[in-house]
Amino acid sequence: MRVFVLLFNARTENEGIHTIRVGDRNKLLMFESEDDATRFALMLEAQDFPPATVEPMDSEELEEFCTSADYDWEIVPEGALAVPPEANVEELDWQKDNPKPDVDEQMSDSELDRIRRQFEGLL
């Protein structure tokens, strides 16, 4: 069966597949509908994830991948509204080779308050 998954850095050396952390396990979501997968990718992007590419793949191959990687999987039926969890992991496995740059400067509380007031003024 053909399903759709989300890939980050598709077709690069640093390609990664999106999974959800459930307890201490990773779960791969396989969407029956490309539109549902695209909607989920847009919700991730709204949570500050990098853009994801929706890719069609064979579900049997993905299940074999999950078994070898010790991941769980779930097929998301067409029309089911899958919603990303509110909490995200801090370090993504596919980013381990590209560590975050060190931040030398921290904002003071007064600077954060000033920015917060500016945002509130926009509302």
PDB file of N, CA and C in Angstrom:
ATOM      1  N   MET A   1       0.853  -1.179   0.000  1.00  0.00           N
ATOM      2  CA  MET A   1       0.000   0.000   0.000  1.00  0.00           C
ATOM      3  C   MET A   1       0.897   1.240   0.000  1.00  0.00           C
ATOM      4  N   ARG A   2       0.515   2.219  -0.778  1.00  0.00           N
ATOM      5  CA  ARG A   2       1.256   3.469  -0.832  1.00  0.00           C
ATOM      6  C   ARG A   2       0.750   4.398   0.265  1.00  0.00           C
ATOM      7  N   VAL A   3       1.685   4.959   1.042  1.00  0.00           N
ATOM      8  CA  VAL A   3       1.355   5.897   2.103  1.00  0.00           C
ATOM      9  C   VAL A   3       2.273   7.118   1.950  1.00  0.00           C
ATOM     10  N   PHE A   4       2.027   8.135   2.783  1.00  0.00           N
ATOM     11  CA  PHE A   4       2.816   9.360   2.718  1.00  0.00           C
ATOM     12  C   PHE A   4       3.452   9.622   4.082  1.00  0.00           C
ATOM     13  N   VAL A   5       4.733   9.964   4.058  1.00  0.00           N
ATOM     14  CA  VAL A   5       5.464  10.287   5.277  1.00  0.00           C
ATOM     15  C   VAL A   5       6.112  11.659   5.103  1.00  0.00           C
ATOM     16  N   LEU A   6       6.599  12.205   6.214  1.00  0.00           N
ATOM     17  CA  LEU A   6       7.247  13.511   6.192  1.00  0.00           C
ATOM     18  C   LEU A   6       8.746  13.338   6.331  1.00  0.00           C
ATOM     19  N   LEU A   7       9.483  13.940   5.414  1.00  0.00           N
ATOM     20  CA  LEU A   7      10.940  13.900   5.449  1.00  0.00           C
ATOM     21  C   LEU A   7      11.477  15.304   5.642  1.00  0.00           C
ATOM     22  N   PHE A   8      12.530  15.411   6.423  1.00  0.00           N
ATOM     23  CA  PHE A   8      13.261  16.663   6.567  1.00  0.00           C
ATOM     24  C   PHE A   8      14.558  16.516   5.781  1.00  0.00           C
ATOM     25  N   ASN A   9      14.978  17.582   5.142  1.00  0.00           N
ATOM     26  CA  ASN A   9      16.201  17.568   4.320  1.00  0.00           C
ATOM     27  C   ASN A   9      16.144  16.448   3.288  1.00  0.00           C
ATOM     28  N   ALA A  10      14.999  16.322   2.624  1.00  0.00           N
ATOM     29  CA  ALA A  10      14.790  15.235   1.662  1.00  0.00           C
ATOM     30  C   ALA A  10      15.891  15.222   0.606  1.00  0.00           C
ATOM     31  N   ARG A  11      16.321  14.019   0.275  1.00  0.00           N
ATOM     32  CA  ARG A  11      17.331  13.763  -0.746  1.00  0.00           C
ATOM     33  C   ARG A  11      18.670  14.459  -0.460  1.00  0.00           C
ATOM     34  N   THR A  12      19.041  14.528   0.825  1.00  0.00           N
ATOM     35  CA  THR A  12      20.351  15.053   1.209  1.00  0.00           C
ATOM     36  C   THR A  12      21.026  14.012   2.093  1.00  0.00           C
ATOM     37  N   GLU A  13      22.293  14.248   2.432  1.00  0.00           N
ATOM     38  CA  GLU A  13      23.002  13.333   3.323  1.00  0.00           C
ATOM     39  C   GLU A  13      22.434  13.380   4.736  1.00  0.00           C
ATOM     40  N   ASN A  14      21.745  14.465   5.074  1.00  0.00           N
ATOM     41  CA  ASN A  14      21.216  14.658   6.420  1.00  0.00           C
ATOM     42  C   ASN A  14      19.698  14.480   6.455  1.00  0.00           C
ATOM     43  N   GLU A  15      19.186  13.566   5.610  1.00  0.00           N
ATOM     44  CA  GLU A  15      17.753  13.333   5.526  1.00  0.00           C
ATOM     45  C   GLU A  15      17.253  12.677   6.808  1.00  0.00           C
ATOM     46  N   GLY A  16      16.070  13.086   7.246  1.00  0.00           N
ATOM     47  CA  GLY A  16      15.466  12.488   8.432  1.00  0.00           C
ATOM     48  C   GLY A  16      13.979  12.308   8.225  1.00  0.00           C
ATOM     49  N   ILE A  17      13.413  11.308   8.875  1.00  0.00           N
ATOM     50  CA  ILE A  17      11.983  11.040   8.771  1.00  0.00           C
ATOM     51  C   ILE A  17      11.316  11.493  10.068  1.00  0.00           C
ATOM     52  N   HIS A  18      10.144  12.069   9.956  1.00  0.00           N
ATOM     53  CA  HIS A  18       9.446  12.580  11.138  1.00  0.00           C
ATOM     54  C   HIS A  18       8.820  11.435  11.917  1.00  0.00           C
ATOM     55  N   THR A  19       9.073  11.427  13.216  1.00  0.00           N
ATOM     56  CA  THR A  19       8.421  10.490  14.126  1.00  0.00           C
ATOM     57  C   THR A  19       7.892  11.280  15.316  1.00  0.00           C
ATOM     58  N   ILE A  20       6.978  10.663  16.026  1.00  0.00           N
ATOM     59  CA  ILE A  20       6.437  11.250  17.255  1.00  0.00           C
ATOM     60  C   ILE A  20       6.971  10.431  18.422  1.00  0.00           C
ATOM     61  N   ARG A  21       7.352  11.107  19.462  1.00  0.00           N
ATOM     62  CA  ARG A  21       7.851  10.435  20.662  1.00  0.00           C
ATOM     63  C   ARG A  21       6.661  10.103  21.556  1.00  0.00           C
ATOM     64  N   VAL A  22       6.466   8.825  21.847  1.00  0.00           N
ATOM     65  CA  VAL A  22       5.401   8.363  22.738  1.00  0.00           C
ATOM     66  C   VAL A  22       6.092   7.607  23.870  1.00  0.00           C
ATOM     67  N   GLY A  23       6.171   8.257  25.031  1.00  0.00           N
ATOM     68  CA  GLY A  23       6.944   7.679  26.135  1.00  0.00           C
ATOM     69  C   GLY A  23       8.412   7.665  25.748  1.00  0.00           C
ATOM     70  N   ASP A  24       9.008   6.482  25.755  1.00  0.00           N
ATOM     71  CA  ASP A  24      10.409   6.370  25.339  1.00  0.00           C
ATOM     72  C   ASP A  24      10.530   5.733  23.958  1.00  0.00           C
ATOM     73  N   ARG A  25       9.448   5.746  23.197  1.00  0.00           N
ATOM     74  CA  ARG A  25       9.414   5.116  21.863  1.00  0.00           C
ATOM     75  C   ARG A  25       9.184   6.168  20.783  1.00  0.00           C
ATOM     76  N   ASN A  26       9.705   5.891  19.589  1.00  0.00           N
ATOM     77  CA  ASN A  26       9.425   6.708  18.414  1.00  0.00           C
ATOM     78  C   ASN A  26       8.352   6.014  17.594  1.00  0.00           C
ATOM     79  N   LYS A  27       7.406   6.818  17.102  1.00  0.00           N
ATOM     80  CA  LYS A  27       6.329   6.269  16.265  1.00  0.00           C
ATOM     81  C   LYS A  27       6.301   7.017  14.935  1.00  0.00           C
ATOM     82  N   LEU A  28       6.333   6.260  13.856  1.00  0.00           N
ATOM     83  CA  LEU A  28       6.256   6.805  12.514  1.00  0.00           C
ATOM     84  C   LEU A  28       4.796   6.873  12.084  1.00  0.00           C
ATOM     85  N   LEU A  29       4.352   8.050  11.655  1.00  0.00           N
ATOM     86  CA  LEU A  29       2.993   8.197  11.129  1.00  0.00           C
ATOM     87  C   LEU A  29       3.027   7.999   9.621  1.00  0.00           C
ATOM     88  N   MET A  30       2.176   7.104   9.123  1.00  0.00           N
ATOM     89  CA  MET A  30       2.039   6.848   7.689  1.00  0.00           C
ATOM     90  C   MET A  30       0.636   7.294   7.291  1.00  0.00           C
ATOM     91  N   PHE A  31       0.551   8.324   6.499  1.00  0.00           N
ATOM     92  CA  PHE A  31      -0.731   8.907   6.119  1.00  0.00           C
ATOM     93  C   PHE A  31      -1.261   8.243   4.849  1.00  0.00           C
ATOM     94  N   GLU A  32      -2.538   7.876   4.855  1.00  0.00           N
ATOM     95  CA  GLU A  32      -3.174   7.348   3.647  1.00  0.00           C
ATOM     96  C   GLU A  32      -3.378   8.456   2.616  1.00  0.00           C
ATOM     97  N   SER A  33      -3.553   9.697   3.092  1.00  0.00           N
ATOM     98  CA  SER A  33      -3.860  10.817   2.201  1.00  0.00           C
ATOM     99  C   SER A  33      -2.701  11.810   2.146  1.00  0.00           C
ATOM    100  N   GLU A  34      -2.315  12.175   0.950  1.00  0.00           N
ATOM    101  CA  GLU A  34      -1.260  13.184   0.773  1.00  0.00           C
ATOM    102  C   GLU A  34      -1.691  14.528   1.356  1.00  0.00           C
ATOM    103  N   ASP A  35      -2.970  14.883   1.190  1.00  0.00           N
ATOM    104  CA  ASP A  35      -3.470  16.145   1.743  1.00  0.00           C
ATOM    105  C   ASP A  35      -3.370  16.168   3.265  1.00  0.00           C
ATOM    106  N   ASP A  36      -3.694  15.061   3.916  1.00  0.00           N
ATOM    107  CA  ASP A  36      -3.598  14.987   5.375  1.00  0.00           C
ATOM    108  C   ASP A  36      -2.144  15.115   5.829  1.00  0.00           C
ATOM    109  N   ALA A  37      -1.228  14.483   5.091  1.00  0.00           N
ATOM    110  CA  ALA A  37       0.200  14.574   5.423  1.00  0.00           C
ATOM    111  C   ALA A  37       0.689  16.010   5.250  1.00  0.00           C
ATOM    112  N   THR A  38       0.242  16.673   4.197  1.00  0.00           N
ATOM    113  CA  THR A  38       0.625  18.070   3.953  1.00  0.00           C
ATOM    114  C   THR A  38       0.093  18.966   5.064  1.00  0.00           C
ATOM    115  N   ARG A  39      -1.138  18.735   5.476  1.00  0.00           N
ATOM    116  CA  ARG A  39      -1.734  19.521   6.568  1.00  0.00           C
ATOM    117  C   ARG A  39      -0.924  19.340   7.853  1.00  0.00           C
ATOM    118  N   PHE A  40      -0.527  18.108   8.144  1.00  0.00           N
ATOM    119  CA  PHE A  40       0.269  17.821   9.332  1.00  0.00           C
ATOM    120  C   PHE A  40       1.632  18.524   9.234  1.00  0.00           C
ATOM    121  N   ALA A  41       2.242  18.501   8.055  1.00  0.00           N
ATOM    122  CA  ALA A  41       3.538  19.171   7.854  1.00  0.00           C
ATOM    123  C   ALA A  41       3.415  20.671   8.102  1.00  0.00           C
ATOM    124  N   LEU A  42       2.320  21.268   7.663  1.00  0.00           N
ATOM    125  CA  LEU A  42       2.110  22.705   7.887  1.00  0.00           C
ATOM    126  C   LEU A  42       1.923  23.006   9.371  1.00  0.00           C
ATOM    127  N   MET A  43       1.244  22.106  10.095  1.00  0.00           N
ATOM    128  CA  MET A  43       1.094  22.301  11.534  1.00  0.00           C
ATOM    129  C   MET A  43       2.454  22.211  12.236  1.00  0.00           C
ATOM    130  N   LEU A  44       3.305  21.307  11.774  1.00  0.00           N
ATOM    131  CA  LEU A  44       4.653  21.214  12.349  1.00  0.00           C
ATOM    132  C   LEU A  44       5.431  22.504  12.101  1.00  0.00           C
ATOM    133  N   GLU A  45       5.319  23.014  10.882  1.00  0.00           N
ATOM    134  CA  GLU A  45       6.022  24.248  10.533  1.00  0.00           C
ATOM    135  C   GLU A  45       5.544  25.399  11.422  1.00  0.00           C
ATOM    136  N   ALA A  46       4.261  25.410  11.756  1.00  0.00           N
ATOM    137  CA  ALA A  46       3.722  26.440  12.645  1.00  0.00           C
ATOM    138  C   ALA A  46       4.300  26.294  14.056  1.00  0.00           C
ATOM    139  N   GLN A  47       4.832  25.111  14.392  1.00  0.00           N
ATOM    140  CA  GLN A  47       5.481  24.883  15.682  1.00  0.00           C
ATOM    141  C   GLN A  47       6.996  25.070  15.579  1.00  0.00           C
ATOM    142  N   ASP A  48       7.434  25.776  14.550  1.00  0.00           N
ATOM    143  CA  ASP A  48       8.846  26.101  14.334  1.00  0.00           C
ATOM    144  C   ASP A  48       9.707  24.929  13.888  1.00  0.00           C
ATOM    145  N   PHE A  49       9.093  23.892  13.333  1.00  0.00           N
ATOM    146  CA  PHE A  49       9.882  22.855  12.683  1.00  0.00           C
ATOM    147  C   PHE A  49      10.331  23.386  11.335  1.00  0.00           C
ATOM    148  N   PRO A  50      11.425  22.885  10.806  1.00  0.00           N
ATOM    149  CA  PRO A  50      11.791  23.241   9.433  1.00  0.00           C
ATOM    150  C   PRO A  50      10.759  22.643   8.469  1.00  0.00           C
ATOM    151  N   PRO A  51      10.682  23.185   7.276  1.00  0.00           N
ATOM    152  CA  PRO A  51       9.721  22.635   6.310  1.00  0.00           C
ATOM    153  C   PRO A  51       9.987  21.144   6.048  1.00  0.00           C
ATOM    154  N   ALA A  52       8.900  20.388   5.962  1.00  0.00           N
ATOM    155  CA  ALA A  52       9.002  18.950   5.684  1.00  0.00           C
ATOM    156  C   ALA A  52       8.489  18.678   4.275  1.00  0.00           C
ATOM    157  N   THR A  53       9.042  17.665   3.651  1.00  0.00           N
ATOM    158  CA  THR A  53       8.610  17.228   2.334  1.00  0.00           C
ATOM    159  C   THR A  53       7.719  16.012   2.497  1.00  0.00           C
ATOM    160  N   VAL A  54       6.568  16.017   1.852  1.00  0.00           N
ATOM    161  CA  VAL A  54       5.660  14.871   1.890  1.00  0.00           C
ATOM    162  C   VAL A  54       6.087  13.922   0.772  1.00  0.00           C
ATOM    163  N   GLU A  55       6.415  12.689   1.152  1.00  0.00           N
ATOM    164  CA  GLU A  55       6.926  11.711   0.189  1.00  0.00           C
ATOM    165  C   GLU A  55       6.075  10.448   0.192  1.00  0.00           C
ATOM    166  N   PRO A  56       5.710   9.949  -1.002  1.00  0.00           N
ATOM    167  CA  PRO A  56       5.004   8.669  -1.062  1.00  0.00           C
ATOM    168  C   PRO A  56       6.001   7.523  -0.882  1.00  0.00           C
ATOM    169  N   MET A  57       5.594   6.502  -0.128  1.00  0.00           N
ATOM    170  CA  MET A  57       6.446   5.331   0.092  1.00  0.00           C
ATOM    171  C   MET A  57       5.568   4.101   0.258  1.00  0.00           C
ATOM    172  N   ASP A  58       6.190   2.953   0.124  1.00  0.00           N
ATOM    173  CA  ASP A  58       5.495   1.688   0.299  1.00  0.00           C
ATOM    174  C   ASP A  58       5.404   1.366   1.786  1.00  0.00           C
ATOM    175  N   SER A  59       4.199   1.086   2.278  1.00  0.00           N
ATOM    176  CA  SER A  59       4.005   0.851   3.713  1.00  0.00           C
ATOM    177  C   SER A  59       4.779  -0.367   4.205  1.00  0.00           C
ATOM    178  N   GLU A  60       4.902  -1.409   3.378  1.00  0.00           N
ATOM    179  CA  GLU A  60       5.642  -2.599   3.802  1.00  0.00           C
ATOM    180  C   GLU A  60       7.118  -2.281   4.004  1.00  0.00           C
ATOM    181  N   GLU A  61       7.694  -1.475   3.118  1.00  0.00           N
ATOM    182  CA  GLU A  61       9.098  -1.078   3.278  1.00  0.00           C
ATOM    183  C   GLU A  61       9.271  -0.239   4.538  1.00  0.00           C
ATOM    184  N   LEU A  62       8.309   0.636   4.808  1.00  0.00           N
ATOM    185  CA  LEU A  62       8.383   1.456   6.012  1.00  0.00           C
ATOM    186  C   LEU A  62       8.257   0.611   7.275  1.00  0.00           C
ATOM    187  N   GLU A  63       7.389  -0.391   7.237  1.00  0.00           N
ATOM    188  CA  GLU A  63       7.240  -1.272   8.385  1.00  0.00           C
ATOM    189  C   GLU A  63       8.539  -2.040   8.644  1.00  0.00           C
ATOM    190  N   GLU A  64       9.213  -2.468   7.578  1.00  0.00           N
ATOM    191  CA  GLU A  64      10.510  -3.141   7.730  1.00  0.00           C
ATOM    192  C   GLU A  64      11.536  -2.176   8.331  1.00  0.00           C
ATOM    193  N   PHE A  65      11.530  -0.925   7.848  1.00  0.00           N
ATOM    194  CA  PHE A  65      12.427   0.088   8.401  1.00  0.00           C
ATOM    195  C   PHE A  65      12.159   0.271   9.891  1.00  0.00           C
ATOM    196  N   CYS A  66      10.876   0.391  10.256  1.00  0.00           N
ATOM    197  CA  CYS A  66      10.504   0.591  11.663  1.00  0.00           C
ATOM    198  C   CYS A  66      10.960  -0.583  12.519  1.00  0.00           C
ATOM    199  N   THR A  67      10.788  -1.784  12.015  1.00  0.00           N
ATOM    200  CA  THR A  67      11.219  -2.967  12.760  1.00  0.00           C
ATOM    201  C   THR A  67      12.729  -2.930  12.979  1.00  0.00           C
ATOM    202  N   SER A  68      13.494  -2.607  11.934  1.00  0.00           N
ATOM    203  CA  SER A  68      14.952  -2.584  12.068  1.00  0.00           C
ATOM    204  C   SER A  68      15.422  -1.438  12.965  1.00  0.00           C
ATOM    205  N   ALA A  69      14.693  -0.319  12.996  1.00  0.00           N
ATOM    206  CA  ALA A  69      15.070   0.832  13.823  1.00  0.00           C
ATOM    207  C   ALA A  69      14.431   0.777  15.205  1.00  0.00           C
ATOM    208  N   ASP A  70      13.621  -0.258  15.455  1.00  0.00           N
ATOM    209  CA  ASP A  70      12.883  -0.405  16.715  1.00  0.00           C
ATOM    210  C   ASP A  70      11.932   0.769  16.945  1.00  0.00           C
ATOM    211  N   TYR A  71      11.216   1.168  15.874  1.00  0.00           N
ATOM    212  CA  TYR A  71      10.197   2.216  15.934  1.00  0.00           C
ATOM    213  C   TYR A  71       8.820   1.562  15.876  1.00  0.00           C
ATOM    214  N   ASP A  72       7.840   2.224  16.455  1.00  0.00           N
ATOM    215  CA  ASP A  72       6.450   1.848  16.261  1.00  0.00           C
ATOM    216  C   ASP A  72       5.946   2.581  15.021  1.00  0.00           C
ATOM    217  N   TRP A  73       4.802   2.181  14.500  1.00  0.00           N
ATOM    218  CA  TRP A  73       4.205   2.893  13.383  1.00  0.00           C
ATOM    219  C   TRP A  73       2.698   2.893  13.526  1.00  0.00           C
ATOM    220  N   GLU A  74       2.094   3.848  12.813  1.00  0.00           N
ATOM    221  CA  GLU A  74       0.638   3.961  12.813  1.00  0.00           C
ATOM    222  C   GLU A  74       0.211   4.462  11.443  1.00  0.00           C
ATOM    223  N   ILE A  75      -0.795   3.832  10.887  1.00  0.00           N
ATOM    224  CA  ILE A  75      -1.369   4.314   9.628  1.00  0.00           C
ATOM    225  C   ILE A  75      -2.492   5.273   9.992  1.00  0.00           C
ATOM    226  N   VAL A  76      -2.396   6.493   9.478  1.00  0.00           N
ATOM    227  CA  VAL A  76      -3.407   7.527   9.734  1.00  0.00           C
ATOM    228  C   VAL A  76      -4.420   7.454   8.604  1.00  0.00           C
ATOM    229  N   PRO A  77      -5.665   7.044   8.899  1.00  0.00           N
ATOM    230  CA  PRO A  77      -6.675   6.909   7.847  1.00  0.00           C
ATOM    231  C   PRO A  77      -6.989   8.255   7.188  1.00  0.00           C
ATOM    232  N   GLU A  78      -7.375   8.172   5.940  1.00  0.00           N
ATOM    233  CA  GLU A  78      -7.750   9.394   5.212  1.00  0.00           C
ATOM    234  C   GLU A  78      -8.868  10.118   5.952  1.00  0.00           C
ATOM    235  N   GLY A  79      -8.698  11.416   6.114  1.00  0.00           N
ATOM    236  CA  GLY A  79      -9.706  12.237   6.768  1.00  0.00           C
ATOM    237  C   GLY A  79      -9.549  12.344   8.265  1.00  0.00           C
ATOM    238  N   ALA A  80      -8.683  11.514   8.856  1.00  0.00           N
ATOM    239  CA  ALA A  80      -8.441  11.618  10.299  1.00  0.00           C
ATOM    240  C   ALA A  80      -7.567  12.844  10.540  1.00  0.00           C
ATOM    241  N   LEU A  81      -7.927  13.632  11.509  1.00  0.00           N
ATOM    242  CA  LEU A  81      -7.166  14.846  11.788  1.00  0.00           C
ATOM    243  C   LEU A  81      -6.072  14.531  12.798  1.00  0.00           C
ATOM    244  N   ALA A  82      -4.880  14.241  12.290  1.00  0.00           N
ATOM    245  CA  ALA A  82      -3.725  14.017  13.164  1.00  0.00           C
ATOM    246  C   ALA A  82      -3.171  15.384  13.550  1.00  0.00           C
ATOM    247  N   VAL A  83      -2.904  15.551  14.842  1.00  0.00           N
ATOM    248  CA  VAL A  83      -2.394  16.826  15.355  1.00  0.00           C
ATOM    249  C   VAL A  83      -1.064  16.562  16.049  1.00  0.00           C
ATOM    250  N   PRO A  84      -0.032  17.367  15.725  1.00  0.00           N
ATOM    251  CA  PRO A  84       1.258  17.164  16.392  1.00  0.00           C
ATOM    252  C   PRO A  84       1.137  17.407  17.888  1.00  0.00           C
ATOM    253  N   PRO A  85       1.954  16.716  18.684  1.00  0.00           N
ATOM    254  CA  PRO A  85       1.937  16.963  20.121  1.00  0.00           C
ATOM    255  C   PRO A  85       2.378  18.395  20.411  1.00  0.00           C
ATOM    256  N   GLU A  86       1.938  18.922  21.549  1.00  0.00           N
ATOM    257  CA  GLU A  86       2.312  20.289  21.899  1.00  0.00           C
ATOM    258  C   GLU A  86       3.781  20.391  22.254  1.00  0.00           C
ATOM    259  N   ALA A  87       4.340  19.372  22.883  1.00  0.00           N
ATOM    260  CA  ALA A  87       5.753  19.399  23.273  1.00  0.00           C
ATOM    261  C   ALA A  87       6.582  18.709  22.192  1.00  0.00           C
ATOM    262  N   ASN A  88       7.699  19.315  21.866  1.00  0.00           N
ATOM    263  CA  ASN A  88       8.608  18.763  20.872  1.00  0.00           C
ATOM    264  C   ASN A  88       9.912  18.371  21.551  1.00  0.00           C
ATOM    265  N   VAL A  89      10.595  17.389  20.981  1.00  0.00           N
ATOM    266  CA  VAL A  89      11.905  17.043  21.523  1.00  0.00           C
ATOM    267  C   VAL A  89      12.863  18.190  21.231  1.00  0.00           C
ATOM    268  N   GLU A  90      13.846  18.351  22.107  1.00  0.00           N
ATOM    269  CA  GLU A  90      14.777  19.473  21.973  1.00  0.00           C
ATOM    270  C   GLU A  90      15.770  19.263  20.838  1.00  0.00           C
ATOM    271  N   GLU A  91      16.315  18.045  20.733  1.00  0.00           N
ATOM    272  CA  GLU A  91      17.313  17.777  19.706  1.00  0.00           C
ATOM    273  C   GLU A  91      16.785  16.706  18.768  1.00  0.00           C
ATOM    274  N   LEU A  92      16.720  17.042  17.509  1.00  0.00           N
ATOM    275  CA  LEU A  92      16.234  16.102  16.510  1.00  0.00           C
ATOM    276  C   LEU A  92      17.381  15.209  16.082  1.00  0.00           C
ATOM    277  N   ASP A  93      17.121  13.915  15.909  1.00  0.00           N
ATOM    278  CA  ASP A  93      18.178  12.975  15.551  1.00  0.00           C
ATOM    279  C   ASP A  93      18.926  13.396  14.295  1.00  0.00           C
ATOM    280  N   TRP A  94      18.210  13.945  13.326  1.00  0.00           N
ATOM    281  CA  TRP A  94      18.881  14.311  12.078  1.00  0.00           C
ATOM    282  C   TRP A  94      19.632  15.625  12.199  1.00  0.00           C
ATOM    283  N   GLN A  95      19.573  16.288  13.358  1.00  0.00           N
ATOM    284  CA  GLN A  95      20.342  17.514  13.575  1.00  0.00           C
ATOM    285  C   GLN A  95      21.594  17.251  14.400  1.00  0.00           C
ATOM    286  N   LYS A  96      21.799  16.037  14.871  1.00  0.00           N
ATOM    287  CA  LYS A  96      22.938  15.753  15.740  1.00  0.00           C
ATOM    288  C   LYS A  96      24.262  16.050  15.058  1.00  0.00           C
ATOM    289  N   ASP A  97      24.330  15.885  13.746  1.00  0.00           N
ATOM    290  CA  ASP A  97      25.567  16.174  13.023  1.00  0.00           C
ATOM    291  C   ASP A  97      25.766  17.663  12.793  1.00  0.00           C
ATOM    292  N   ASN A  98      24.712  18.431  12.962  1.00  0.00           N
ATOM    293  CA  ASN A  98      24.772  19.879  12.769  1.00  0.00           C
ATOM    294  C   ASN A  98      24.346  20.560  14.057  1.00  0.00           C
ATOM    295  N   PRO A  99      25.244  20.629  15.052  1.00  0.00           N
ATOM    296  CA  PRO A  99      24.840  21.205  16.337  1.00  0.00           C
ATOM    297  C   PRO A  99      24.452  22.666  16.212  1.00  0.00           C
ATOM    298  N   LYS A 100      23.610  23.090  17.165  1.00  0.00           N
ATOM    299  CA  LYS A 100      23.181  24.483  17.198  1.00  0.00           C
ATOM    300  C   LYS A 100      24.376  25.363  17.521  1.00  0.00           C
ATOM    301  N   PRO A 101      24.453  26.558  16.924  1.00  0.00           N
ATOM    302  CA  PRO A 101      25.554  27.450  17.259  1.00  0.00           C
ATOM    303  C   PRO A 101      25.417  27.922  18.704  1.00  0.00           C
ATOM    304  N   ASP A 102      26.560  28.192  19.338  1.00  0.00           N
ATOM    305  CA  ASP A 102      26.527  28.724  20.695  1.00  0.00           C
ATOM    306  C   ASP A 102      25.930  30.110  20.682  1.00  0.00           C
ATOM    307  N   VAL A 103      25.123  30.396  21.669  1.00  0.00           N
ATOM    308  CA  VAL A 103      24.530  31.722  21.795  1.00  0.00           C
ATOM    309  C   VAL A 103      25.329  32.464  22.853  1.00  0.00           C
ATOM    310  N   ASP A 104      26.001  33.526  22.436  1.00  0.00           N
ATOM    311  CA  ASP A 104      26.865  34.270  23.346  1.00  0.00           C
ATOM    312  C   ASP A 104      26.087  35.306  24.127  1.00  0.00           C
ATOM    313  N   GLU A 105      24.933  35.700  23.613  1.00  0.00           N
ATOM    314  CA  GLU A 105      24.215  36.814  24.207  1.00  0.00           C
ATOM    315  C   GLU A 105      22.864  36.373  24.740  1.00  0.00           C
ATOM    316  N   GLN A 106      22.588  36.699  25.971  1.00  0.00           N
ATOM    317  CA  GLN A 106      21.287  36.423  26.565  1.00  0.00           C
ATOM    318  C   GLN A 106      20.552  37.750  26.713  1.00  0.00           C
ATOM    319  N   MET A 107      19.234  37.733  26.494  1.00  0.00           N
ATOM    320  CA  MET A 107      18.448  38.955  26.663  1.00  0.00           C
ATOM    321  C   MET A 107      18.154  39.160  28.140  1.00  0.00           C
ATOM    322  N   SER A 108      18.212  40.384  28.549  1.00  0.00           N
ATOM    323  CA  SER A 108      17.867  40.705  29.932  1.00  0.00           C
ATOM    324  C   SER A 108      16.351  40.647  30.092  1.00  0.00           C
ATOM    325  N   ASP A 109      15.906  40.542  31.346  1.00  0.00           N
ATOM    326  CA  ASP A 109      14.466  40.525  31.616  1.00  0.00           C
ATOM    327  C   ASP A 109      13.801  41.794  31.119  1.00  0.00           C
ATOM    328  N   SER A 110      14.482  42.936  31.267  1.00  0.00           N
ATOM    329  CA  SER A 110      13.884  44.200  30.820  1.00  0.00           C
ATOM    330  C   SER A 110      13.742  44.227  29.296  1.00  0.00           C
ATOM    331  N   GLU A 111      14.703  43.651  28.595  1.00  0.00           N
ATOM    332  CA  GLU A 111      14.626  43.587  27.126  1.00  0.00           C
ATOM    333  C   GLU A 111      13.480  42.666  26.704  1.00  0.00           C
ATOM    334  N   LEU A 112      13.336  41.528  27.385  1.00  0.00           N
ATOM    335  CA  LEU A 112      12.227  40.624  27.084  1.00  0.00           C
ATOM    336  C   LEU A 112      10.883  41.291  27.360  1.00  0.00           C
ATOM    337  N   ASP A 113      10.785  42.035  28.473  1.00  0.00           N
ATOM    338  CA  ASP A 113       9.542  42.757  28.794  1.00  0.00           C
ATOM    339  C   ASP A 113       9.227  43.788  27.724  1.00  0.00           C
ATOM    340  N   ARG A 114      10.245  44.490  27.236  1.00  0.00           N
ATOM    341  CA  ARG A 114      10.049  45.507  26.193  1.00  0.00           C
ATOM    342  C   ARG A 114       9.500  44.860  24.921  1.00  0.00           C
ATOM    343  N   ILE A 115      10.082  43.728  24.527  1.00  0.00           N
ATOM    344  CA  ILE A 115       9.631  43.026  23.321  1.00  0.00           C
ATOM    345  C   ILE A 115       8.216  42.496  23.522  1.00  0.00           C
ATOM    346  N   ARG A 116       7.931  41.962  24.716  1.00  0.00           N
ATOM    347  CA  ARG A 116       6.592  41.457  25.031  1.00  0.00           C
ATOM    348  C   ARG A 116       5.557  42.576  24.903  1.00  0.00           C
ATOM    349  N   ARG A 117       5.876  43.773  25.406  1.00  0.00           N
ATOM    350  CA  ARG A 117       4.949  44.916  25.304  1.00  0.00           C
ATOM    351  C   ARG A 117       4.729  45.309  23.840  1.00  0.00           C
ATOM    352  N   GLN A 118       5.782  45.231  23.038  1.00  0.00           N
ATOM    353  CA  GLN A 118       5.631  45.540  21.612  1.00  0.00           C
ATOM    354  C   GLN A 118       4.651  44.556  20.951  1.00  0.00           C
ATOM    355  N   PHE A 119       4.814  43.262  21.258  1.00  0.00           N
ATOM    356  CA  PHE A 119       3.900  42.266  20.688  1.00  0.00           C
ATOM    357  C   PHE A 119       2.483  42.473  21.170  1.00  0.00           C
ATOM    358  N   GLU A 120       2.320  42.776  22.451  1.00  0.00           N
ATOM    359  CA  GLU A 120       0.979  43.009  22.973  1.00  0.00           C
ATOM    360  C   GLU A 120       0.349  44.225  22.315  1.00  0.00           C
ATOM    361  N   GLY A 121       1.173  45.222  21.978  1.00  0.00           N
ATOM    362  CA  GLY A 121       0.662  46.416  21.302  1.00  0.00           C
ATOM    363  C   GLY A 121       0.154  46.105  19.898  1.00  0.00           C
ATOM    364  N   LEU A 122       0.679  45.052  19.302  1.00  0.00           N
ATOM    365  CA  LEU A 122       0.220  44.661  17.966  1.00  0.00           C
ATOM    366  C   LEU A 122      -1.151  44.012  18.006  1.00  0.00           C
ATOM    367  N   LEU A 123      -1.541  43.478  19.152  1.00  0.00           N
ATOM    368  CA  LEU A 123      -2.836  42.786  19.280  1.00  0.00           C
ATOM    369  C   LEU A 123      -3.932  43.728  19.478  1.00  0.00           C
TER     370      LEU A 123
END
